[in-house]
Amino acid sequence: MQDLKKRTKDFALDIVRSYSTLPRRMEVFVLAKQLLRSGTSVGAQYREACRAKSNADFISKVEGALQELEESMYWLELLTESGHMSTSDSERLMAETRELTAIFTSVTKTVKSRAGAR
């Protein structure tokens, strides 16, 4: 759990650092602000999940993190395909987004299967 807390925090910090390198133009600002919001929400959602009161609450919060990851991927795609984000930044962030998505999907499936087995 601690490793995933650190990893989601590192992801948020990477999003913040990448945000600060983007061009200061209105169309970029709109996209980048959305990425900043969704990308930094992943770790907050996960921390809330760690304090969940039930399996259902935990699953709900992890699924919230998954939604934020999906949204982050969308904004990354738009920033990259519009030519405003460097390929190296976007590839790194997209790879981490995919990995976190796989981890949270696996965690959700595991908790759901354990909860159903009772």
PDB file of N, CA and C in Angstrom:
ATOM      1  N   MET A   1       0.806  -1.193   0.000  1.00  0.00           N
ATOM      2  CA  MET A   1       0.000   0.000   0.000  1.00  0.00           C
ATOM      3  C   MET A   1       0.855   1.266   0.000  1.00  0.00           C
ATOM      4  N   GLN A   2       1.912   1.269   0.813  1.00  0.00           N
ATOM      5  CA  GLN A   2       2.797   2.430   0.859  1.00  0.00           C
ATOM      6  C   GLN A   2       3.445   2.683  -0.499  1.00  0.00           C
ATOM      7  N   ASP A   3       3.833   1.601  -1.179  1.00  0.00           N
ATOM      8  CA  ASP A   3       4.462   1.762  -2.486  1.00  0.00           C
ATOM      9  C   ASP A   3       3.511   2.418  -3.474  1.00  0.00           C
ATOM     10  N   LEU A   4       2.238   2.034  -3.432  1.00  0.00           N
ATOM     11  CA  LEU A   4       1.259   2.604  -4.349  1.00  0.00           C
ATOM     12  C   LEU A   4       0.927   4.052  -3.966  1.00  0.00           C
ATOM     13  N   LYS A   5       0.947   4.352  -2.679  1.00  0.00           N
ATOM     14  CA  LYS A   5       0.770   5.741  -2.252  1.00  0.00           C
ATOM     15  C   LYS A   5       1.903   6.600  -2.805  1.00  0.00           C
ATOM     16  N   LYS A   6       3.122   6.102  -2.683  1.00  0.00           N
ATOM     17  CA  LYS A   6       4.277   6.847  -3.197  1.00  0.00           C
ATOM     18  C   LYS A   6       4.216   6.955  -4.712  1.00  0.00           C
ATOM     19  N   ARG A   7       3.855   5.879  -5.349  1.00  0.00           N
ATOM     20  CA  ARG A   7       3.822   5.878  -6.811  1.00  0.00           C
ATOM     21  C   ARG A   7       2.774   6.857  -7.349  1.00  0.00           C
ATOM     22  N   THR A   8       1.607   6.903  -6.733  1.00  0.00           N
ATOM     23  CA  THR A   8       0.592   7.843  -7.202  1.00  0.00           C
ATOM     24  C   THR A   8       0.985   9.289  -6.889  1.00  0.00           C
ATOM     25  N   LYS A   9       1.692   9.490  -5.783  1.00  0.00           N
ATOM     26  CA  LYS A   9       2.185  10.836  -5.471  1.00  0.00           C
ATOM     27  C   LYS A   9       3.262  11.244  -6.471  1.00  0.00           C
ATOM     28  N   ASP A  10       4.158  10.318  -6.805  1.00  0.00           N
ATOM     29  CA  ASP A  10       5.192  10.602  -7.809  1.00  0.00           C
ATOM     30  C   ASP A  10       4.561  10.903  -9.169  1.00  0.00           C
ATOM     31  N   PHE A  11       3.489  10.195  -9.493  1.00  0.00           N
ATOM     32  CA  PHE A  11       2.767  10.450 -10.740  1.00  0.00           C
ATOM     33  C   PHE A  11       2.214  11.879 -10.727  1.00  0.00           C
ATOM     34  N   ALA A  12       1.611  12.274  -9.623  1.00  0.00           N
ATOM     35  CA  ALA A  12       1.074  13.626  -9.507  1.00  0.00           C
ATOM     36  C   ALA A  12       2.181  14.670  -9.656  1.00  0.00           C
ATOM     37  N   LEU A  13       3.303  14.431  -9.009  1.00  0.00           N
ATOM     38  CA  LEU A  13       4.422  15.371  -9.119  1.00  0.00           C
ATOM     39  C   LEU A  13       4.955  15.445 -10.551  1.00  0.00           C
ATOM     40  N   ASP A  14       4.982  14.326 -11.232  1.00  0.00           N
ATOM     41  CA  ASP A  14       5.415  14.309 -12.632  1.00  0.00           C
ATOM     42  C   ASP A  14       4.442  15.111 -13.506  1.00  0.00           C
ATOM     43  N   ILE A  15       3.159  14.979 -13.219  1.00  0.00           N
ATOM     44  CA  ILE A  15       2.146  15.763 -13.938  1.00  0.00           C
ATOM     45  C   ILE A  15       2.367  17.258 -13.679  1.00  0.00           C
ATOM     46  N   VAL A  16       2.605  17.620 -12.429  1.00  0.00           N
ATOM     47  CA  VAL A  16       2.833  19.027 -12.072  1.00  0.00           C
ATOM     48  C   VAL A  16       4.059  19.571 -12.799  1.00  0.00           C
ATOM     49  N   ARG A  17       5.139  18.799 -12.799  1.00  0.00           N
ATOM     50  CA  ARG A  17       6.371  19.247 -13.471  1.00  0.00           C
ATOM     51  C   ARG A  17       6.152  19.404 -14.976  1.00  0.00           C
ATOM     52  N   SER A  18       5.447  18.465 -15.571  1.00  0.00           N
ATOM     53  CA  SER A  18       5.175  18.543 -17.006  1.00  0.00           C
ATOM     54  C   SER A  18       4.275  19.730 -17.324  1.00  0.00           C
ATOM     55  N   TYR A  19       3.300  19.964 -16.471  1.00  0.00           N
ATOM     56  CA  TYR A  19       2.384  21.102 -16.632  1.00  0.00           C
ATOM     57  C   TYR A  19       3.175  22.405 -16.704  1.00  0.00           C
ATOM     58  N   SER A  20       4.171  22.532 -15.846  1.00  0.00           N
ATOM     59  CA  SER A  20       4.925  23.779 -15.772  1.00  0.00           C
ATOM     60  C   SER A  20       5.793  24.026 -17.007  1.00  0.00           C
ATOM     61  N   THR A  21       6.009  23.007 -17.826  1.00  0.00           N
ATOM     62  CA  THR A  21       6.832  23.183 -19.037  1.00  0.00           C
ATOM     63  C   THR A  21       5.997  23.480 -20.285  1.00  0.00           C
ATOM     64  N   LEU A  22       4.679  23.406 -20.166  1.00  0.00           N
ATOM     65  CA  LEU A  22       3.824  23.600 -21.336  1.00  0.00           C
ATOM     66  C   LEU A  22       3.741  25.068 -21.731  1.00  0.00           C
ATOM     67  N   PRO A  23       3.509  25.323 -23.015  1.00  0.00           N
ATOM     68  CA  PRO A  23       3.381  26.715 -23.486  1.00  0.00           C
ATOM     69  C   PRO A  23       2.247  27.451 -22.770  1.00  0.00           C
ATOM     70  N   ARG A  24       2.417  28.729 -22.584  1.00  0.00           N
ATOM     71  CA  ARG A  24       1.421  29.561 -21.898  1.00  0.00           C
ATOM     72  C   ARG A  24       0.484  30.210 -22.924  1.00  0.00           C
ATOM     73  N   ARG A  25      -0.302  29.371 -23.567  1.00  0.00           N
ATOM     74  CA  ARG A  25      -1.304  29.853 -24.522  1.00  0.00           C
ATOM     75  C   ARG A  25      -2.665  29.351 -24.058  1.00  0.00           C
ATOM     76  N   MET A  26      -3.710  30.092 -24.356  1.00  0.00           N
ATOM     77  CA  MET A  26      -5.035  29.794 -23.826  1.00  0.00           C
ATOM     78  C   MET A  26      -5.497  28.381 -24.148  1.00  0.00           C
ATOM     79  N   GLU A  27      -5.359  27.932 -25.402  1.00  0.00           N
ATOM     80  CA  GLU A  27      -5.842  26.594 -25.756  1.00  0.00           C
ATOM     81  C   GLU A  27      -5.058  25.501 -25.034  1.00  0.00           C
ATOM     82  N   VAL A  28      -3.789  25.739 -24.787  1.00  0.00           N
ATOM     83  CA  VAL A  28      -2.968  24.781 -24.049  1.00  0.00           C
ATOM     84  C   VAL A  28      -3.343  24.825 -22.575  1.00  0.00           C
ATOM     85  N   PHE A  29      -3.564  26.010 -22.061  1.00  0.00           N
ATOM     86  CA  PHE A  29      -3.921  26.172 -20.646  1.00  0.00           C
ATOM     87  C   PHE A  29      -5.175  25.378 -20.297  1.00  0.00           C
ATOM     88  N   VAL A  30      -6.179  25.425 -21.154  1.00  0.00           N
ATOM     89  CA  VAL A  30      -7.435  24.723 -20.889  1.00  0.00           C
ATOM     90  C   VAL A  30      -7.190  23.215 -20.780  1.00  0.00           C
ATOM     91  N   LEU A  31      -6.454  22.651 -21.723  1.00  0.00           N
ATOM     92  CA  LEU A  31      -6.148  21.221 -21.713  1.00  0.00           C
ATOM     93  C   LEU A  31      -5.248  20.855 -20.531  1.00  0.00           C
ATOM     94  N   ALA A  32      -4.218  21.663 -20.329  1.00  0.00           N
ATOM     95  CA  ALA A  32      -3.233  21.376 -19.280  1.00  0.00           C
ATOM     96  C   ALA A  32      -3.860  21.448 -17.889  1.00  0.00           C
ATOM     97  N   LYS A  33      -4.747  22.386 -17.679  1.00  0.00           N
ATOM     98  CA  LYS A  33      -5.400  22.506 -16.371  1.00  0.00           C
ATOM     99  C   LYS A  33      -6.248  21.262 -16.087  1.00  0.00           C
ATOM    100  N   GLN A  34      -6.896  20.737 -17.112  1.00  0.00           N
ATOM    101  CA  GLN A  34      -7.681  19.508 -16.946  1.00  0.00           C
ATOM    102  C   GLN A  34      -6.766  18.338 -16.588  1.00  0.00           C
ATOM    103  N   LEU A  35      -5.619  18.248 -17.270  1.00  0.00           N
ATOM    104  CA  LEU A  35      -4.649  17.198 -16.968  1.00  0.00           C
ATOM    105  C   LEU A  35      -4.129  17.343 -15.544  1.00  0.00           C
ATOM    106  N   LEU A  36      -3.825  18.563 -15.149  1.00  0.00           N
ATOM    107  CA  LEU A  36      -3.327  18.812 -13.796  1.00  0.00           C
ATOM    108  C   LEU A  36      -4.343  18.351 -12.757  1.00  0.00           C
ATOM    109  N   ARG A  37      -5.605  18.661 -12.983  1.00  0.00           N
ATOM    110  CA  ARG A  37      -6.657  18.283 -12.037  1.00  0.00           C
ATOM    111  C   ARG A  37      -6.826  16.770 -11.966  1.00  0.00           C
ATOM    112  N   SER A  38      -6.962  16.121 -13.125  1.00  0.00           N
ATOM    113  CA  SER A  38      -7.202  14.672 -13.116  1.00  0.00           C
ATOM    114  C   SER A  38      -5.964  13.896 -12.676  1.00  0.00           C
ATOM    115  N   GLY A  39      -4.799  14.317 -13.123  1.00  0.00           N
ATOM    116  CA  GLY A  39      -3.571  13.602 -12.792  1.00  0.00           C
ATOM    117  C   GLY A  39      -3.206  13.660 -11.320  1.00  0.00           C
ATOM    118  N   THR A  40      -3.521  14.766 -10.675  1.00  0.00           N
ATOM    119  CA  THR A  40      -3.218  14.877  -9.249  1.00  0.00           C
ATOM    120  C   THR A  40      -4.320  14.266  -8.382  1.00  0.00           C
ATOM    121  N   SER A  41      -5.473  14.010  -8.968  1.00  0.00           N
ATOM    122  CA  SER A  41      -6.581  13.403  -8.219  1.00  0.00           C
ATOM    123  C   SER A  41      -6.405  11.908  -7.994  1.00  0.00           C
ATOM    124  N   VAL A  42      -5.598  11.262  -8.815  1.00  0.00           N
ATOM    125  CA  VAL A  42      -5.421   9.809  -8.711  1.00  0.00           C
ATOM    126  C   VAL A  42      -4.934   9.423  -7.316  1.00  0.00           C
ATOM    127  N   GLY A  43      -3.881  10.068  -6.864  1.00  0.00           N
ATOM    128  CA  GLY A  43      -3.325   9.761  -5.552  1.00  0.00           C
ATOM    129  C   GLY A  43      -4.275  10.101  -4.421  1.00  0.00           C
ATOM    130  N   ALA A  44      -5.004  11.200  -4.557  1.00  0.00           N
ATOM    131  CA  ALA A  44      -5.976  11.578  -3.526  1.00  0.00           C
ATOM    132  C   ALA A  44      -7.081  10.529  -3.429  1.00  0.00           C
ATOM    133  N   GLN A  45      -7.557  10.066  -4.575  1.00  0.00           N
ATOM    134  CA  GLN A  45      -8.592   9.025  -4.591  1.00  0.00           C
ATOM    135  C   GLN A  45      -8.066   7.749  -3.932  1.00  0.00           C
ATOM    136  N   TYR A  46      -6.827   7.383  -4.249  1.00  0.00           N
ATOM    137  CA  TYR A  46      -6.271   6.171  -3.666  1.00  0.00           C
ATOM    138  C   TYR A  46      -6.110   6.302  -2.149  1.00  0.00           C
ATOM    139  N   ARG A  47      -5.662   7.461  -1.691  1.00  0.00           N
ATOM    140  CA  ARG A  47      -5.520   7.661  -0.241  1.00  0.00           C
ATOM    141  C   ARG A  47      -6.873   7.568   0.457  1.00  0.00           C
ATOM    142  N   GLU A  48      -7.904   8.090  -0.188  1.00  0.00           N
ATOM    143  CA  GLU A  48      -9.251   7.945   0.379  1.00  0.00           C
ATOM    144  C   GLU A  48      -9.635   6.469   0.427  1.00  0.00           C
ATOM    145  N   ALA A  49      -9.287   5.725  -0.611  1.00  0.00           N
ATOM    146  CA  ALA A  49      -9.608   4.292  -0.659  1.00  0.00           C
ATOM    147  C   ALA A  49      -8.931   3.551   0.490  1.00  0.00           C
ATOM    148  N   CYS A  50      -7.731   3.944   0.820  1.00  0.00           N
ATOM    149  CA  CYS A  50      -7.000   3.275   1.907  1.00  0.00           C
ATOM    150  C   CYS A  50      -7.681   3.465   3.253  1.00  0.00           C
ATOM    151  N   ARG A  51      -8.541   4.441   3.373  1.00  0.00           N
ATOM    152  CA  ARG A  51      -9.253   4.693   4.618  1.00  0.00           C
ATOM    153  C   ARG A  51     -10.724   4.310   4.506  1.00  0.00           C
ATOM    154  N   ALA A  52     -11.040   3.511   3.495  1.00  0.00           N
ATOM    155  CA  ALA A  52     -12.431   3.104   3.263  1.00  0.00           C
ATOM    156  C   ALA A  52     -12.979   2.309   4.438  1.00  0.00           C
ATOM    157  N   LYS A  53     -14.277   2.420   4.617  1.00  0.00           N
ATOM    158  CA  LYS A  53     -14.943   1.753   5.737  1.00  0.00           C
ATOM    159  C   LYS A  53     -15.462   0.366   5.368  1.00  0.00           C
ATOM    160  N   SER A  54     -15.474   0.057   4.080  1.00  0.00           N
ATOM    161  CA  SER A  54     -15.980  -1.238   3.626  1.00  0.00           C
ATOM    162  C   SER A  54     -15.355  -1.574   2.267  1.00  0.00           C
ATOM    163  N   ASN A  55     -15.521  -2.820   1.854  1.00  0.00           N
ATOM    164  CA  ASN A  55     -15.044  -3.212   0.531  1.00  0.00           C
ATOM    165  C   ASN A  55     -15.726  -2.398  -0.559  1.00  0.00           C
ATOM    166  N   ALA A  56     -17.020  -2.178  -0.407  1.00  0.00           N
ATOM    167  CA  ALA A  56     -17.765  -1.404  -1.415  1.00  0.00           C
ATOM    168  C   ALA A  56     -17.233   0.029  -1.493  1.00  0.00           C
ATOM    169  N   ASP A  57     -16.937   0.621  -0.352  1.00  0.00           N
ATOM    170  CA  ASP A  57     -16.379   1.973  -0.308  1.00  0.00           C
ATOM    171  C   ASP A  57     -14.993   1.992  -0.954  1.00  0.00           C
ATOM    172  N   PHE A  58     -14.187   0.992  -0.638  1.00  0.00           N
ATOM    173  CA  PHE A  58     -12.851   0.879  -1.228  1.00  0.00           C
ATOM    174  C   PHE A  58     -12.940   0.778  -2.749  1.00  0.00           C
ATOM    175  N   ILE A  59     -13.781  -0.106  -3.227  1.00  0.00           N
ATOM    176  CA  ILE A  59     -13.936  -0.303  -4.667  1.00  0.00           C
ATOM    177  C   ILE A  59     -14.396   0.989  -5.340  1.00  0.00           C
ATOM    178  N   SER A  60     -15.342   1.662  -4.729  1.00  0.00           N
ATOM    179  CA  SER A  60     -15.855   2.911  -5.283  1.00  0.00           C
ATOM    180  C   SER A  60     -14.743   3.950  -5.441  1.00  0.00           C
ATOM    181  N   LYS A  61     -13.904   4.063  -4.432  1.00  0.00           N
ATOM    182  CA  LYS A  61     -12.831   5.057  -4.477  1.00  0.00           C
ATOM    183  C   LYS A  61     -11.731   4.659  -5.463  1.00  0.00           C
ATOM    184  N   VAL A  62     -11.407   3.383  -5.541  1.00  0.00           N
ATOM    185  CA  VAL A  62     -10.413   2.934  -6.519  1.00  0.00           C
ATOM    186  C   VAL A  62     -10.963   3.120  -7.934  1.00  0.00           C
ATOM    187  N   GLU A  63     -12.240   2.862  -8.106  1.00  0.00           N
ATOM    188  CA  GLU A  63     -12.846   3.104  -9.419  1.00  0.00           C
ATOM    189  C   GLU A  63     -12.839   4.593  -9.760  1.00  0.00           C
ATOM    190  N   GLY A  64     -12.927   5.449  -8.751  1.00  0.00           N
ATOM    191  CA  GLY A  64     -12.771   6.887  -8.967  1.00  0.00           C
ATOM    192  C   GLY A  64     -11.379   7.214  -9.472  1.00  0.00           C
ATOM    193  N   ALA A  65     -10.373   6.564  -8.894  1.00  0.00           N
ATOM    194  CA  ALA A  65      -8.999   6.758  -9.364  1.00  0.00           C
ATOM    195  C   ALA A  65      -8.858   6.285 -10.809  1.00  0.00           C
ATOM    196  N   LEU A  66      -9.511   5.181 -11.146  1.00  0.00           N
ATOM    197  CA  LEU A  66      -9.483   4.683 -12.524  1.00  0.00           C
ATOM    198  C   LEU A  66     -10.111   5.685 -13.488  1.00  0.00           C
ATOM    199  N   GLN A  67     -11.184   6.327 -13.073  1.00  0.00           N
ATOM    200  CA  GLN A  67     -11.807   7.348 -13.916  1.00  0.00           C
ATOM    201  C   GLN A  67     -10.855   8.520 -14.144  1.00  0.00           C
ATOM    202  N   GLU A  68     -10.152   8.920 -13.107  1.00  0.00           N
ATOM    203  CA  GLU A  68      -9.192  10.020 -13.227  1.00  0.00           C
ATOM    204  C   GLU A  68      -8.029   9.640 -14.144  1.00  0.00           C
ATOM    205  N   LEU A  69      -7.605   8.388 -14.073  1.00  0.00           N
ATOM    206  CA  LEU A  69      -6.540   7.922 -14.966  1.00  0.00           C
ATOM    207  C   LEU A  69      -7.000   7.941 -16.419  1.00  0.00           C
ATOM    208  N   GLU A  70      -8.216   7.502 -16.655  1.00  0.00           N
ATOM    209  CA  GLU A  70      -8.754   7.511 -18.022  1.00  0.00           C
ATOM    210  C   GLU A  70      -8.845   8.945 -18.550  1.00  0.00           C
ATOM    211  N   GLU A  71      -9.297   9.836 -17.698  1.00  0.00           N
ATOM    212  CA  GLU A  71      -9.389  11.240 -18.096  1.00  0.00           C
ATOM    213  C   GLU A  71      -7.987  11.815 -18.356  1.00  0.00           C
ATOM    214  N   SER A  72      -7.034  11.467 -17.505  1.00  0.00           N
ATOM    215  CA  SER A  72      -5.655  11.940 -17.704  1.00  0.00           C
ATOM    216  C   SER A  72      -5.111  11.475 -19.046  1.00  0.00           C
ATOM    217  N   MET A  73      -5.393  10.237 -19.391  1.00  0.00           N
ATOM    218  CA  MET A  73      -4.925   9.715 -20.684  1.00  0.00           C
ATOM    219  C   MET A  73      -5.508  10.536 -21.829  1.00  0.00           C
ATOM    220  N   TYR A  74      -6.764  10.895 -21.729  1.00  0.00           N
ATOM    221  CA  TYR A  74      -7.420  11.694 -22.764  1.00  0.00           C
ATOM    222  C   TYR A  74      -6.714  13.041 -22.939  1.00  0.00           C
ATOM    223  N   TRP A  75      -6.465  13.742 -21.837  1.00  0.00           N
ATOM    224  CA  TRP A  75      -5.808  15.042 -21.916  1.00  0.00           C
ATOM    225  C   TRP A  75      -4.378  14.908 -22.427  1.00  0.00           C
ATOM    226  N   LEU A  76      -3.695  13.854 -22.019  1.00  0.00           N
ATOM    227  CA  LEU A  76      -2.338  13.611 -22.539  1.00  0.00           C
ATOM    228  C   LEU A  76      -2.366  13.406 -24.046  1.00  0.00           C
ATOM    229  N   GLU A  77      -3.333  12.630 -24.511  1.00  0.00           N
ATOM    230  CA  GLU A  77      -3.457  12.400 -25.954  1.00  0.00           C
ATOM    231  C   GLU A  77      -3.700  13.717 -26.694  1.00  0.00           C
ATOM    232  N   LEU A  78      -4.600  14.537 -26.173  1.00  0.00           N
ATOM    233  CA  LEU A  78      -4.895  15.814 -26.830  1.00  0.00           C
ATOM    234  C   LEU A  78      -3.679  16.731 -26.839  1.00  0.00           C
ATOM    235  N   LEU A  79      -2.990  16.831 -25.729  1.00  0.00           N
ATOM    236  CA  LEU A  79      -1.809  17.694 -25.671  1.00  0.00           C
ATOM    237  C   LEU A  79      -0.708  17.203 -26.606  1.00  0.00           C
ATOM    238  N   THR A  80      -0.560  15.899 -26.694  1.00  0.00           N
ATOM    239  CA  THR A  80       0.485  15.332 -27.552  1.00  0.00           C
ATOM    240  C   THR A  80       0.125  15.474 -29.026  1.00  0.00           C
ATOM    241  N   GLU A  81      -1.081  15.051 -29.379  1.00  0.00           N
ATOM    242  CA  GLU A  81      -1.493  15.073 -30.777  1.00  0.00           C
ATOM    243  C   GLU A  81      -1.660  16.488 -31.324  1.00  0.00           C
ATOM    244  N   SER A  82      -1.862  17.464 -30.443  1.00  0.00           N
ATOM    245  CA  SER A  82      -1.945  18.857 -30.888  1.00  0.00           C
ATOM    246  C   SER A  82      -0.557  19.494 -30.984  1.00  0.00           C
ATOM    247  N   GLY A  83       0.472  18.723 -30.583  1.00  0.00           N
ATOM    248  CA  GLY A  83       1.845  19.199 -30.707  1.00  0.00           C
ATOM    249  C   GLY A  83       2.324  20.085 -29.573  1.00  0.00           C
ATOM    250  N   HIS A  84       1.611  20.121 -28.466  1.00  0.00           N
ATOM    251  CA  HIS A  84       1.992  21.004 -27.368  1.00  0.00           C
ATOM    252  C   HIS A  84       2.819  20.332 -26.282  1.00  0.00           C
ATOM    253  N   MET A  85       2.824  19.002 -26.249  1.00  0.00           N
ATOM    254  CA  MET A  85       3.608  18.278 -25.244  1.00  0.00           C
ATOM    255  C   MET A  85       4.660  17.449 -25.953  1.00  0.00           C
ATOM    256  N   SER A  86       5.852  17.428 -25.391  1.00  0.00           N
ATOM    257  CA  SER A  86       6.931  16.662 -26.011  1.00  0.00           C
ATOM    258  C   SER A  86       6.612  15.171 -25.990  1.00  0.00           C
ATOM    259  N   THR A  87       7.106  14.479 -26.974  1.00  0.00           N
ATOM    260  CA  THR A  87       6.866  13.047 -27.068  1.00  0.00           C
ATOM    261  C   THR A  87       7.455  12.311 -25.877  1.00  0.00           C
ATOM    262  N   SER A  88       8.629  12.724 -25.422  1.00  0.00           N
ATOM    263  CA  SER A  88       9.248  12.031 -24.289  1.00  0.00           C
ATOM    264  C   SER A  88       8.414  12.187 -23.023  1.00  0.00           C
ATOM    265  N   ASP A  89       7.907  13.399 -22.767  1.00  0.00           N
ATOM    266  CA  ASP A  89       7.034  13.601 -21.607  1.00  0.00           C
ATOM    267  C   ASP A  89       5.765  12.780 -21.731  1.00  0.00           C
ATOM    268  N   SER A  90       5.130  12.869 -22.886  1.00  0.00           N
ATOM    269  CA  SER A  90       3.847  12.178 -23.043  1.00  0.00           C
ATOM    270  C   SER A  90       4.012  10.666 -22.981  1.00  0.00           C
ATOM    271  N   GLU A  91       5.060  10.131 -23.590  1.00  0.00           N
ATOM    272  CA  GLU A  91       5.274   8.678 -23.548  1.00  0.00           C
ATOM    273  C   GLU A  91       5.486   8.191 -22.124  1.00  0.00           C
ATOM    274  N   ARG A  92       6.278   8.925 -21.356  1.00  0.00           N
ATOM    275  CA  ARG A  92       6.538   8.562 -19.962  1.00  0.00           C
ATOM    276  C   ARG A  92       5.248   8.610 -19.141  1.00  0.00           C
ATOM    277  N   LEU A  93       4.503   9.695 -19.282  1.00  0.00           N
ATOM    278  CA  LEU A  93       3.261   9.848 -18.518  1.00  0.00           C
ATOM    279  C   LEU A  93       2.195   8.851 -18.955  1.00  0.00           C
ATOM    280  N   MET A  94       2.104   8.598 -20.249  1.00  0.00           N
ATOM    281  CA  MET A  94       1.124   7.623 -20.737  1.00  0.00           C
ATOM    282  C   MET A  94       1.467   6.213 -20.271  1.00  0.00           C
ATOM    283  N   ALA A  95       2.754   5.885 -20.255  1.00  0.00           N
ATOM    284  CA  ALA A  95       3.171   4.557 -19.779  1.00  0.00           C
ATOM    285  C   ALA A  95       2.796   4.377 -18.307  1.00  0.00           C
ATOM    286  N   GLU A  96       3.041   5.393 -17.498  1.00  0.00           N
ATOM    287  CA  GLU A  96       2.696   5.298 -16.080  1.00  0.00           C
ATOM    288  C   GLU A  96       1.176   5.260 -15.899  1.00  0.00           C
ATOM    289  N   THR A  97       0.450   5.997 -16.715  1.00  0.00           N
ATOM    290  CA  THR A  97      -1.014   5.970 -16.658  1.00  0.00           C
ATOM    291  C   THR A  97      -1.525   4.566 -16.953  1.00  0.00           C
ATOM    292  N   ARG A  98      -0.973   3.932 -17.977  1.00  0.00           N
ATOM    293  CA  ARG A  98      -1.380   2.556 -18.314  1.00  0.00           C
ATOM    294  C   ARG A  98      -1.034   1.581 -17.191  1.00  0.00           C
ATOM    295  N   GLU A  99       0.150   1.720 -16.615  1.00  0.00           N
ATOM    296  CA  GLU A  99       0.559   0.813 -15.537  1.00  0.00           C
ATOM    297  C   GLU A  99      -0.320   0.985 -14.295  1.00  0.00           C
ATOM    298  N   LEU A 100      -0.595   2.226 -13.920  1.00  0.00           N
ATOM    299  CA  LEU A 100      -1.463   2.463 -12.764  1.00  0.00           C
ATOM    300  C   LEU A 100      -2.879   1.949 -13.033  1.00  0.00           C
ATOM    301  N   THR A 101      -3.340   2.110 -14.256  1.00  0.00           N
ATOM    302  CA  THR A 101      -4.662   1.590 -14.630  1.00  0.00           C
ATOM    303  C   THR A 101      -4.695   0.081 -14.466  1.00  0.00           C
ATOM    304  N   ALA A 102      -3.664  -0.605 -14.920  1.00  0.00           N
ATOM    305  CA  ALA A 102      -3.598  -2.061 -14.790  1.00  0.00           C
ATOM    306  C   ALA A 102      -3.571  -2.478 -13.313  1.00  0.00           C
ATOM    307  N   ILE A 103      -2.810  -1.765 -12.501  1.00  0.00           N
ATOM    308  CA  ILE A 103      -2.717  -2.088 -11.073  1.00  0.00           C
ATOM    309  C   ILE A 103      -4.072  -1.894 -10.397  1.00  0.00           C
ATOM    310  N   PHE A 104      -4.690  -0.743 -10.613  1.00  0.00           N
ATOM    311  CA  PHE A 104      -5.977  -0.466  -9.962  1.00  0.00           C
ATOM    312  C   PHE A 104      -7.073  -1.394 -10.463  1.00  0.00           C
ATOM    313  N   THR A 105      -7.031  -1.764 -11.730  1.00  0.00           N
ATOM    314  CA  THR A 105      -8.010  -2.720 -12.265  1.00  0.00           C
ATOM    315  C   THR A 105      -7.843  -4.065 -11.586  1.00  0.00           C
ATOM    316  N   SER A 106      -6.610  -4.502 -11.430  1.00  0.00           N
ATOM    317  CA  SER A 106      -6.326  -5.770 -10.761  1.00  0.00           C
ATOM    318  C   SER A 106      -6.766  -5.737  -9.295  1.00  0.00           C
ATOM    319  N   VAL A 107      -6.469  -4.648  -8.620  1.00  0.00           N
ATOM    320  CA  VAL A 107      -6.864  -4.502  -7.214  1.00  0.00           C
ATOM    321  C   VAL A 107      -8.384  -4.574  -7.088  1.00  0.00           C
ATOM    322  N   THR A 108      -9.082  -3.879  -7.955  1.00  0.00           N
ATOM    323  CA  THR A 108     -10.546  -3.877  -7.916  1.00  0.00           C
ATOM    324  C   THR A 108     -11.108  -5.272  -8.144  1.00  0.00           C
ATOM    325  N   LYS A 109     -10.577  -5.978  -9.138  1.00  0.00           N
ATOM    326  CA  LYS A 109     -11.046  -7.341  -9.420  1.00  0.00           C
ATOM    327  C   LYS A 109     -10.788  -8.263  -8.232  1.00  0.00           C
ATOM    328  N   THR A 110      -9.632  -8.128  -7.612  1.00  0.00           N
ATOM    329  CA  THR A 110      -9.290  -8.966  -6.463  1.00  0.00           C
ATOM    330  C   THR A 110     -10.238  -8.730  -5.301  1.00  0.00           C
ATOM    331  N   VAL A 111     -10.482  -7.478  -4.986  1.00  0.00           N
ATOM    332  CA  VAL A 111     -11.374  -7.147  -3.858  1.00  0.00           C
ATOM    333  C   VAL A 111     -12.799  -7.616  -4.169  1.00  0.00           C
ATOM    334  N   LYS A 112     -13.248  -7.407  -5.401  1.00  0.00           N
ATOM    335  CA  LYS A 112     -14.596  -7.850  -5.776  1.00  0.00           C
ATOM    336  C   LYS A 112     -14.730  -9.361  -5.667  1.00  0.00           C
ATOM    337  N   SER A 113     -13.711 -10.097  -6.102  1.00  0.00           N
ATOM    338  CA  SER A 113     -13.792 -11.568  -6.052  1.00  0.00           C
ATOM    339  C   SER A 113     -13.745 -12.070  -4.606  1.00  0.00           C
ATOM    340  N   ARG A 114     -12.945 -11.434  -3.772  1.00  0.00           N
ATOM    341  CA  ARG A 114     -12.895 -11.816  -2.358  1.00  0.00           C
ATOM    342  C   ARG A 114     -14.195 -11.481  -1.648  1.00  0.00           C
ATOM    343  N   ALA A 115     -14.773 -10.359  -1.985  1.00  0.00           N
ATOM    344  CA  ALA A 115     -16.029  -9.947  -1.353  1.00  0.00           C
ATOM    345  C   ALA A 115     -17.166 -10.878  -1.780  1.00  0.00           C
ATOM    346  N   GLY A 116     -17.123 -11.340  -3.024  1.00  0.00           N
ATOM    347  CA  GLY A 116     -18.156 -12.243  -3.529  1.00  0.00           C
ATOM    348  C   GLY A 116     -18.011 -13.648  -3.008  1.00  0.00           C
ATOM    349  N   ALA A 117     -16.819 -14.022  -2.568  1.00  0.00           N
ATOM    350  CA  ALA A 117     -16.543 -15.376  -2.090  1.00  0.00           C
ATOM    351  C   ALA A 117     -17.054 -15.600  -0.668  1.00  0.00           C
ATOM    352  N   ARG A 118     -17.434 -14.544  -0.004  1.00  0.00           N
ATOM    353  CA  ARG A 118     -17.876 -14.665   1.396  1.00  0.00           C
ATOM    354  C   ARG A 118     -19.295 -15.100   1.508  1.00  0.00           C
TER     355      ARG A 118
END
